[in-house]
Amino acid sequence: MRRCLLLLFAGLLPLGTVLAANRDRHVVLISIDGFPAYLWRDESIPLPHLRRLAREGVQAEAMTISNPAITWPNHTTLVTGVTPRRHGVLYNGLVVRGGPGRPNTIEPWVPRERLVRAPTVYDAAFAAGLTTAEIDWVAITQPPSITWSFAELPDPKSTLPQEMIAAGAATAEEIEAARSGRRNIVWRDHLWTRAACFVFARHQPNLLLYHTLNTDSTHHRFGPGSPASISALALADQLVGELLRTIEASGRREQTTLIVTTDHGFKKVDKYLYANVVLKRAGLLRAAGPTIAHCDAFAGTQGGVAFVYVTDPARRAELLPRLRELFAGTEGIAAVIDAATGAPALGMPTPAENPGMGELILYPKPGYAFSATATGEEIVGPSINYGGTHGYRSDDPELDGIFLASGAGIRQGARIGRIRNLDVAPTIARLLDVPLPQVEGRVLEEVLANRP
């Protein structure tokens, strides 16, 4: 597999290009899930470690994310430098169309090779002979180009969990509890941080991808900016501080670049919008309790966005005009977009390019969020135990994310304007001196020290 990756990248490079990766450089990409730029600008939130990194390095005014504004698509953009139209990730997993009369399913744990359609910066680093590690990254199951992996649901037989058990850094019971998902998200964030510290202390990978999740869960449950939200952000800062102390203790701080970012921002939610109930009331879907028994059309919902699918391709021409009219007249719908013509302008594929794409794209009005349920008859209802979400159009300022960079190769004490998450992977590739061709983003020359 490594030979295949080397051939892949060699085939994308101009003839005569030499791979000269920087084996003395380390880049740590930290994603704090669901961290809006507007909360970063609130100086009252206690974030001492993150604010120290910002003072010592570079912070952006805001980071524009990708559509759909969901966790897995945007994490994949962060490491590929291309939009979901090219890398293909549209949900938190692989979309499998159910066929005529049946809804889709989402398969989250398929191998990365089936899910991600574009080369990643960790592929590029590995192909150039560098070491790579991932801790709770996403869209990365069974990655052939990751040297050390501690997955969201860790494999007890994989190298890194086994090393941690042998060293007394984790127990077999903890690894099994993490794999089963039985423990709460705060506990899992702490375990993932322990794994990130362990792999850096023992192996000093050239590229480490590290993702924490409690902030996202808290913002969904209680809403962004709530007391619980502020506490979750403060905890994430403390976890970053633990990793920073490990890097400093390793003696490799001067050779390490830290990039702290996120996948998306957040909006507050007041009402649920039940798109599948709309289809049920129109006679296009039948439910048996919580289960969809039959559907001519189906809505795959992701909070601030929904994709509408015609389950039988032979009926698309017949049903699409009716579906457009149906949702255009529905309370809480802000936009109904034909994916065949409108998706590329949003950085998403057409259904012909990717069968995981719906025929229609729906965006709700502010305060509304889509729910997948098809039970009941009400089209709109109050959001219960649900305070915030994402998925809305990426040009909404509340969906802007954070971006900080500090350490080796980074300017000191600088502020820059808006960047895009498309720019993160090319910048990491430059820091590691590895090729990442055919990206849509650019190298953030303005954050780099010793600019030409």
Foldseek 3Di string as FASTA:
>chain_A
DLVVLLVVVVVVDDPPDDFDFDQLFAEEEEAEAAFALVVVPPVVQDQVQVVVLCQFFEWASFAFFAPQLAAQQRLQLLFQLAHCQQQVAHYLADWDFPFAFAHIDGDNQDALVVHTRGDTLLSLCQSSPFAAEEQQRGSHHPNPSHPYYQHQQGDCPGDLVVVCCVVVLDHPVVSNCSNVVVDDLVVSQVVSLSSLLVCCLVPVTRYYYGYGDPLVVQCFQANDPDPSNSVVSNVVSVSVVVSVVSCVVSVSQQNYKYKYKHRWHKAWAWKEFEVLLLCVVVVQWDADVQRTRTGQKAWDFFWFKIAIARRHVVCCVVCVVVVLVSQVPDPFWDDKAQQQPPVVVSSHHRCVSHVSGHRIMIGGDGNYTYDRTNDDNDRMDTDDSTTMGGSHRSVPSSTIMIIGMHHHFFDRRYYHYYHYSSQNNQQSCVSRSTDSPDRPYHHPLVGGPPRD
